[in-house]
N, C-alpha and C. Protein backbone atom coordinates (compact mmCIF):
# COMPACT_ATOMS: atom_id res chain seq x y z
N UNK A 1 0.87 -1.15 -0.03
CA UNK A 1 0.00 0.01 0.01
C UNK A 1 0.92 1.22 0.00
N UNK A 2 0.56 2.22 -0.81
CA UNK A 2 1.39 3.42 -0.86
C UNK A 2 0.96 4.38 0.23
N UNK A 3 1.81 5.36 0.44
CA UNK A 3 1.50 6.35 1.53
C UNK A 3 0.30 7.18 1.19
N UNK A 4 0.01 7.44 -0.12
CA UNK A 4 -1.15 8.22 -0.48
C UNK A 4 -2.41 7.47 -0.19
N UNK A 5 -2.41 6.13 -0.32
CA UNK A 5 -3.58 5.35 -0.05
C UNK A 5 -3.87 5.28 1.45
N UNK A 6 -2.86 5.21 2.27
CA UNK A 6 -3.06 5.03 3.69
C UNK A 6 -3.50 6.36 4.33
N UNK A 7 -3.24 7.49 3.71
CA UNK A 7 -3.65 8.76 4.30
C UNK A 7 -5.14 8.97 4.22
N UNK A 8 -5.87 8.27 3.28
CA UNK A 8 -7.31 8.47 3.19
C UNK A 8 -8.03 7.53 4.15
N UNK A 9 -7.31 6.60 4.79
CA UNK A 9 -8.01 5.74 5.76
C UNK A 9 -8.13 6.41 7.13
N UNK A 10 -9.02 5.85 7.93
CA UNK A 10 -9.18 6.41 9.27
C UNK A 10 -7.99 6.10 10.12
N UNK A 11 -7.83 6.82 11.27
CA UNK A 11 -6.71 6.52 12.13
C UNK A 11 -6.67 5.09 12.58
N UNK A 12 -7.76 4.42 12.69
CA UNK A 12 -7.77 3.04 13.16
C UNK A 12 -7.31 2.07 12.10
N UNK A 13 -7.22 2.53 10.84
CA UNK A 13 -6.77 1.68 9.78
C UNK A 13 -7.81 0.68 9.32
N UNK A 14 -9.10 0.94 9.60
CA UNK A 14 -10.13 0.03 9.24
C UNK A 14 -10.77 0.33 7.87
N UNK A 15 -10.22 1.30 7.16
CA UNK A 15 -10.77 1.60 5.85
C UNK A 15 -12.06 2.46 5.94
N UNK A 16 -12.38 3.00 7.13
CA UNK A 16 -13.56 3.82 7.25
C UNK A 16 -13.25 5.25 6.88
N UNK A 17 -14.19 6.04 6.49
CA UNK A 17 -13.89 7.44 6.14
C UNK A 17 -13.42 8.20 7.35
N UNK A 18 -12.53 9.13 7.15
CA UNK A 18 -12.00 9.92 8.26
C UNK A 18 -13.13 10.76 8.89
N UNK A 19 -13.00 11.02 10.21
CA UNK A 19 -14.00 11.85 10.84
C UNK A 19 -13.81 13.29 10.48
N UNK A 20 -14.90 14.08 10.40
CA UNK A 20 -14.77 15.49 10.08
C UNK A 20 -13.94 16.21 11.10
N UNK A 21 -13.15 17.15 10.71
CA UNK A 21 -12.36 17.92 11.64
C UNK A 21 -13.23 18.78 12.53
N UNK A 22 -12.86 18.97 13.79
CA UNK A 22 -13.62 19.74 14.73
C UNK A 22 -14.72 18.99 15.41
N UNK A 23 -14.99 17.74 15.02
CA UNK A 23 -16.00 16.94 15.66
C UNK A 23 -15.39 16.06 16.71
N UNK A 24 -16.06 15.85 17.77
CA UNK A 24 -15.50 14.94 18.80
C UNK A 24 -15.45 13.53 18.22
N UNK A 25 -14.46 12.78 18.69
CA UNK A 25 -14.23 11.42 18.11
C UNK A 25 -15.12 10.37 18.79
N UNK A 26 -15.76 10.67 19.86
CA UNK A 26 -16.59 9.68 20.57
C UNK A 26 -17.42 10.33 21.60
N UNK A 27 -18.26 9.56 22.27
CA UNK A 27 -19.16 10.15 23.28
C UNK A 27 -18.43 10.68 24.49
N UNK A 28 -17.25 10.17 24.80
CA UNK A 28 -16.56 10.65 25.98
C UNK A 28 -15.23 11.32 25.63
N UNK A 29 -15.19 11.98 24.50
CA UNK A 29 -13.95 12.60 24.04
C UNK A 29 -13.60 13.90 24.80
N UNK A 30 -14.63 14.55 25.40
CA UNK A 30 -14.34 15.77 26.06
C UNK A 30 -13.63 15.61 27.41
N UNK A 31 -14.20 14.71 28.21
CA UNK A 31 -13.53 14.38 29.47
C UNK A 31 -14.04 13.03 29.92
N UNK A 32 -13.16 12.22 30.53
CA UNK A 32 -13.60 10.90 30.98
C UNK A 32 -14.61 11.04 32.10
N UNK A 33 -15.63 10.19 32.08
CA UNK A 33 -16.65 10.21 33.07
C UNK A 33 -16.13 9.53 34.32
N UNK A 34 -16.37 10.11 35.49
CA UNK A 34 -15.97 9.53 36.73
C UNK A 34 -16.98 8.44 37.12
N UNK A 35 -16.49 7.32 37.51
CA UNK A 35 -17.35 6.28 38.00
C UNK A 35 -17.95 6.62 39.35
N UNK A 36 -19.24 6.64 39.43
CA UNK A 36 -19.89 6.92 40.74
C UNK A 36 -19.98 5.62 41.49
N UNK A 37 -19.52 5.65 42.70
CA UNK A 37 -19.57 4.47 43.57
C UNK A 37 -20.88 4.45 44.34
N UNK A 38 -21.46 3.31 44.45
CA UNK A 38 -22.70 3.17 45.22
C UNK A 38 -22.32 3.07 46.71
N UNK A 39 -23.18 3.56 47.60
CA UNK A 39 -22.89 3.39 49.01
C UNK A 39 -22.81 1.92 49.38
N UNK A 40 -21.98 1.60 50.32
CA UNK A 40 -21.86 0.19 50.75
C UNK A 40 -23.12 -0.26 51.43
N UNK A 41 -23.35 -1.57 51.31
CA UNK A 41 -24.49 -2.22 51.94
C UNK A 41 -24.11 -2.70 53.28
N UNK A 42 -25.02 -2.58 54.25
CA UNK A 42 -24.85 -3.12 55.56
C UNK A 42 -26.06 -3.99 55.84
N UNK A 43 -25.82 -4.94 56.74
CA UNK A 43 -26.86 -5.93 57.07
C UNK A 43 -27.12 -5.93 58.53
N UNK A 44 -28.37 -6.01 58.92
CA UNK A 44 -28.77 -6.13 60.32
C UNK A 44 -29.71 -7.32 60.42
N UNK A 45 -29.33 -8.27 61.21
CA UNK A 45 -30.12 -9.48 61.42
C UNK A 45 -30.66 -9.51 62.87
N UNK A 46 -31.92 -9.81 63.04
CA UNK A 46 -32.50 -9.85 64.38
C UNK A 46 -31.88 -11.00 65.16
N UNK A 47 -32.00 -11.00 66.42
CA UNK A 47 -31.35 -12.07 67.29
C UNK A 47 -31.96 -13.43 66.99
N UNK A 48 -33.26 -13.50 66.63
CA UNK A 48 -33.88 -14.76 66.34
C UNK A 48 -33.63 -15.19 64.87
N UNK A 49 -33.04 -14.29 64.06
CA UNK A 49 -32.76 -14.59 62.67
C UNK A 49 -33.92 -14.57 61.73
N UNK A 50 -35.06 -13.99 62.24
CA UNK A 50 -36.27 -13.98 61.40
C UNK A 50 -36.51 -12.62 60.73
N UNK A 51 -35.75 -11.61 61.04
CA UNK A 51 -35.88 -10.28 60.39
C UNK A 51 -34.53 -9.86 59.91
N UNK A 52 -34.49 -9.33 58.69
CA UNK A 52 -33.30 -8.91 58.05
C UNK A 52 -33.49 -7.54 57.47
N UNK A 53 -32.54 -6.65 57.74
CA UNK A 53 -32.59 -5.32 57.15
C UNK A 53 -31.32 -5.10 56.32
N UNK A 54 -31.54 -4.60 55.13
CA UNK A 54 -30.44 -4.27 54.20
C UNK A 54 -30.38 -2.76 54.16
N UNK A 55 -29.23 -2.22 54.58
CA UNK A 55 -29.08 -0.76 54.69
C UNK A 55 -28.11 -0.33 53.63
N UNK A 56 -28.52 0.64 52.78
CA UNK A 56 -27.66 1.22 51.75
C UNK A 56 -27.87 2.72 51.78
N UNK A 57 -26.88 3.46 52.31
CA UNK A 57 -27.04 4.89 52.44
C UNK A 57 -28.18 5.15 53.47
N UNK A 58 -29.16 5.95 53.03
CA UNK A 58 -30.28 6.28 53.89
C UNK A 58 -31.47 5.28 53.68
N UNK A 59 -31.35 4.42 52.75
CA UNK A 59 -32.42 3.47 52.42
C UNK A 59 -32.28 2.19 53.25
N UNK A 60 -33.36 1.79 53.85
CA UNK A 60 -33.42 0.57 54.63
C UNK A 60 -34.55 -0.33 54.12
N UNK A 61 -34.21 -1.51 53.64
CA UNK A 61 -35.20 -2.50 53.21
C UNK A 61 -35.30 -3.58 54.26
N UNK A 62 -36.48 -3.79 54.80
CA UNK A 62 -36.70 -4.78 55.84
C UNK A 62 -37.40 -6.01 55.28
N UNK A 63 -36.97 -7.17 55.73
CA UNK A 63 -37.55 -8.43 55.25
C UNK A 63 -37.82 -9.36 56.43
N UNK A 64 -38.83 -10.16 56.28
CA UNK A 64 -39.08 -11.33 57.17
C UNK A 64 -38.50 -12.50 56.45
N UNK A 65 -37.67 -13.28 57.19
CA UNK A 65 -36.95 -14.42 56.61
C UNK A 65 -37.55 -15.71 57.10
N UNK A 66 -37.92 -16.61 56.14
CA UNK A 66 -38.51 -17.89 56.51
C UNK A 66 -37.73 -18.99 55.76
N UNK A 67 -37.42 -20.04 56.46
CA UNK A 67 -36.79 -21.15 55.81
C UNK A 67 -37.84 -21.99 55.11
N UNK A 68 -37.59 -22.40 53.89
CA UNK A 68 -38.48 -23.24 53.13
C UNK A 68 -37.89 -24.67 53.03
N UNK A 69 -38.77 -25.60 52.85
CA UNK A 69 -38.32 -27.01 52.73
C UNK A 69 -38.57 -27.41 51.23
N UNK A 70 -37.58 -27.22 50.34
CA UNK A 70 -37.83 -27.48 48.95
C UNK A 70 -37.83 -28.99 48.66
N UNK A 71 -38.51 -29.32 47.55
CA UNK A 71 -38.48 -30.71 47.12
C UNK A 71 -37.06 -31.09 46.74
N UNK A 72 -36.55 -32.31 47.07
CA UNK A 72 -35.17 -32.62 46.78
C UNK A 72 -34.77 -32.54 45.29
N UNK A 73 -35.75 -32.65 44.41
CA UNK A 73 -35.42 -32.50 43.00
C UNK A 73 -35.21 -31.03 42.61
N UNK A 74 -35.74 -30.12 43.39
CA UNK A 74 -35.62 -28.69 43.10
C UNK A 74 -34.35 -28.10 43.73
N UNK A 75 -34.04 -28.41 44.96
CA UNK A 75 -32.93 -27.83 45.61
C UNK A 75 -32.76 -28.41 47.00
N UNK A 76 -31.64 -28.00 47.65
CA UNK A 76 -31.33 -28.58 48.95
C UNK A 76 -31.74 -27.61 50.09
N UNK A 77 -31.77 -26.32 49.81
CA UNK A 77 -32.01 -25.37 50.89
C UNK A 77 -32.67 -24.13 50.22
N UNK A 78 -33.64 -23.55 50.92
CA UNK A 78 -34.34 -22.40 50.35
C UNK A 78 -34.79 -21.45 51.42
N UNK A 79 -34.82 -20.17 51.10
CA UNK A 79 -35.30 -19.14 51.97
C UNK A 79 -36.28 -18.25 51.29
N UNK A 80 -37.28 -17.78 52.00
CA UNK A 80 -38.24 -16.80 51.48
C UNK A 80 -38.00 -15.48 52.22
N UNK A 81 -37.80 -14.40 51.46
CA UNK A 81 -37.68 -13.06 52.01
C UNK A 81 -38.89 -12.27 51.62
N UNK A 82 -39.69 -11.86 52.60
CA UNK A 82 -40.88 -11.08 52.38
C UNK A 82 -40.56 -9.65 52.78
N UNK A 83 -40.58 -8.73 51.81
CA UNK A 83 -40.26 -7.39 52.01
C UNK A 83 -41.39 -6.71 52.78
N UNK A 84 -41.07 -5.95 53.83
CA UNK A 84 -42.05 -5.24 54.60
C UNK A 84 -41.97 -3.75 54.35
N UNK A 85 -43.11 -3.17 53.99
CA UNK A 85 -43.21 -1.73 53.79
C UNK A 85 -44.34 -1.20 54.64
N UNK A 86 -44.07 -0.32 55.56
CA UNK A 86 -45.03 0.27 56.47
C UNK A 86 -45.79 -0.83 57.23
N UNK A 87 -45.07 -1.87 57.68
CA UNK A 87 -45.66 -2.92 58.46
C UNK A 87 -46.50 -3.94 57.70
N UNK A 88 -46.57 -3.78 56.37
CA UNK A 88 -47.31 -4.74 55.53
C UNK A 88 -46.40 -5.43 54.56
N UNK A 89 -46.71 -6.65 54.17
CA UNK A 89 -45.86 -7.38 53.26
C UNK A 89 -46.05 -6.74 51.85
N UNK A 90 -44.94 -6.69 51.15
CA UNK A 90 -44.90 -6.04 49.85
C UNK A 90 -44.55 -7.11 48.76
N UNK A 91 -43.24 -7.28 48.55
CA UNK A 91 -42.77 -8.24 47.57
C UNK A 91 -42.22 -9.52 48.26
N UNK A 92 -42.28 -10.66 47.60
CA UNK A 92 -41.79 -11.87 48.13
C UNK A 92 -40.71 -12.42 47.18
N UNK A 93 -39.57 -12.77 47.75
CA UNK A 93 -38.45 -13.30 46.92
C UNK A 93 -38.04 -14.61 47.53
N UNK A 94 -37.95 -15.62 46.65
CA UNK A 94 -37.47 -16.97 47.07
C UNK A 94 -36.05 -17.19 46.56
N UNK A 95 -35.19 -17.59 47.47
CA UNK A 95 -33.77 -17.86 47.16
C UNK A 95 -33.57 -19.36 47.40
N UNK A 96 -33.04 -20.07 46.44
CA UNK A 96 -32.92 -21.52 46.59
C UNK A 96 -31.48 -21.95 46.19
N UNK A 97 -31.03 -22.92 46.86
CA UNK A 97 -29.75 -23.55 46.53
C UNK A 97 -30.00 -24.76 45.72
N UNK A 98 -29.60 -24.76 44.42
CA UNK A 98 -29.81 -25.88 43.53
C UNK A 98 -28.45 -26.54 43.23
N UNK A 99 -28.48 -27.56 42.41
CA UNK A 99 -27.21 -28.21 42.04
C UNK A 99 -26.38 -27.33 41.18
N UNK A 100 -26.97 -26.24 40.58
CA UNK A 100 -26.24 -25.34 39.74
C UNK A 100 -25.76 -24.06 40.50
N UNK A 101 -26.14 -23.98 41.72
CA UNK A 101 -25.75 -22.77 42.57
C UNK A 101 -26.96 -22.13 43.18
N UNK A 102 -26.76 -20.94 43.72
CA UNK A 102 -27.87 -20.25 44.35
C UNK A 102 -28.61 -19.40 43.33
N UNK A 103 -29.96 -19.40 43.44
CA UNK A 103 -30.75 -18.59 42.53
C UNK A 103 -31.83 -17.85 43.32
N UNK A 104 -32.15 -16.66 42.80
CA UNK A 104 -33.22 -15.83 43.38
C UNK A 104 -34.19 -15.52 42.26
N UNK A 105 -35.47 -15.29 42.62
CA UNK A 105 -36.46 -15.00 41.57
C UNK A 105 -36.72 -13.50 41.44
N UNK A 106 -35.83 -12.66 41.96
CA UNK A 106 -36.00 -11.21 41.82
C UNK A 106 -35.54 -10.77 40.43
N UNK A 107 -35.92 -9.56 39.99
CA UNK A 107 -35.60 -9.05 38.71
C UNK A 107 -34.09 -8.81 38.61
N UNK A 108 -33.45 -8.38 39.66
CA UNK A 108 -31.98 -8.17 39.63
C UNK A 108 -31.22 -9.43 39.35
N UNK A 109 -31.58 -10.52 40.00
CA UNK A 109 -30.89 -11.80 39.74
C UNK A 109 -31.18 -12.31 38.36
N UNK A 110 -32.42 -12.17 37.90
CA UNK A 110 -32.76 -12.65 36.59
C UNK A 110 -32.00 -11.90 35.51
N UNK A 111 -31.72 -10.64 35.77
CA UNK A 111 -30.98 -9.84 34.76
C UNK A 111 -29.47 -9.98 34.89
N UNK A 112 -28.92 -9.89 36.11
CA UNK A 112 -27.48 -9.80 36.32
C UNK A 112 -26.84 -11.04 36.87
N UNK A 113 -27.67 -11.96 37.36
CA UNK A 113 -27.12 -13.21 37.96
C UNK A 113 -26.58 -13.01 39.34
N UNK A 114 -26.91 -11.93 39.99
CA UNK A 114 -26.55 -11.61 41.36
C UNK A 114 -27.58 -10.61 41.92
N UNK A 115 -27.72 -10.63 43.25
CA UNK A 115 -28.66 -9.69 43.83
C UNK A 115 -28.33 -9.50 45.34
N UNK A 116 -29.00 -8.50 45.89
CA UNK A 116 -28.76 -8.20 47.31
C UNK A 116 -29.38 -9.26 48.24
N UNK A 117 -30.39 -9.97 47.74
CA UNK A 117 -31.03 -10.99 48.57
C UNK A 117 -30.06 -12.14 48.80
N UNK A 118 -29.44 -12.65 47.73
CA UNK A 118 -28.48 -13.72 47.83
C UNK A 118 -27.24 -13.27 48.67
N UNK A 119 -26.75 -12.07 48.33
CA UNK A 119 -25.59 -11.55 49.08
C UNK A 119 -25.87 -11.43 50.58
N UNK A 120 -27.07 -10.99 50.93
CA UNK A 120 -27.42 -10.79 52.30
C UNK A 120 -27.57 -12.13 53.05
N UNK A 121 -28.14 -13.11 52.37
CA UNK A 121 -28.26 -14.42 53.00
C UNK A 121 -26.93 -15.06 53.26
N UNK A 122 -26.01 -14.88 52.31
CA UNK A 122 -24.62 -15.37 52.53
C UNK A 122 -24.00 -14.65 53.70
N UNK A 123 -24.11 -13.32 53.73
CA UNK A 123 -23.52 -12.54 54.81
C UNK A 123 -24.14 -12.86 56.18
N UNK A 124 -25.39 -13.24 56.17
CA UNK A 124 -26.05 -13.59 57.43
C UNK A 124 -25.74 -15.01 57.90
N UNK A 125 -25.04 -15.76 57.05
CA UNK A 125 -24.69 -17.14 57.39
C UNK A 125 -25.75 -18.14 57.07
N UNK A 126 -26.76 -17.77 56.29
CA UNK A 126 -27.86 -18.71 55.98
C UNK A 126 -27.36 -19.72 54.93
N UNK A 127 -26.40 -19.33 54.11
CA UNK A 127 -25.73 -20.23 53.16
C UNK A 127 -24.24 -20.20 53.51
N UNK A 128 -23.58 -21.21 53.24
CA UNK A 128 -22.14 -21.23 53.40
C UNK A 128 -21.53 -21.98 52.25
N UNK A 129 -20.24 -21.87 52.09
CA UNK A 129 -19.56 -22.64 51.01
C UNK A 129 -19.73 -24.15 51.22
N UNK A 130 -19.91 -24.55 52.44
CA UNK A 130 -20.09 -25.96 52.71
C UNK A 130 -21.45 -26.48 52.20
N UNK A 131 -22.45 -25.64 52.25
CA UNK A 131 -23.78 -26.07 51.76
C UNK A 131 -23.85 -26.12 50.27
N UNK A 132 -22.96 -25.36 49.59
CA UNK A 132 -23.00 -25.32 48.13
C UNK A 132 -22.32 -26.58 47.57
N UNK A 133 -21.25 -27.07 48.17
CA UNK A 133 -20.57 -28.21 47.63
C UNK A 133 -21.27 -29.50 47.73
């Protein structure tokens, strides 16, 4: 390839037309975006182990925790977290230990494969690495 041919290519060498001068080269060309860190999560478990609070910043989500007895074909261990809002039950989340790992039926777990419900139950000692193996 001659030098005259390579000058018409884009800087990336992909054969794309060059970008117009004076235009930003990408969405973050002016300044890099700072990553905003989320506040850390804290956990409060009642003495009897039946109430769980997940604290993140000023937000506190309270749950009633019940142990479930899953069918052996479904899983070995399961917990139900019932979210309490103003003293009334709101949403219900089931977390189960299967042969493929721990699963939750909340939208966060279904989308990302992790959630605060699973993390909180591990932190509270409801699951351990010994129960997973």
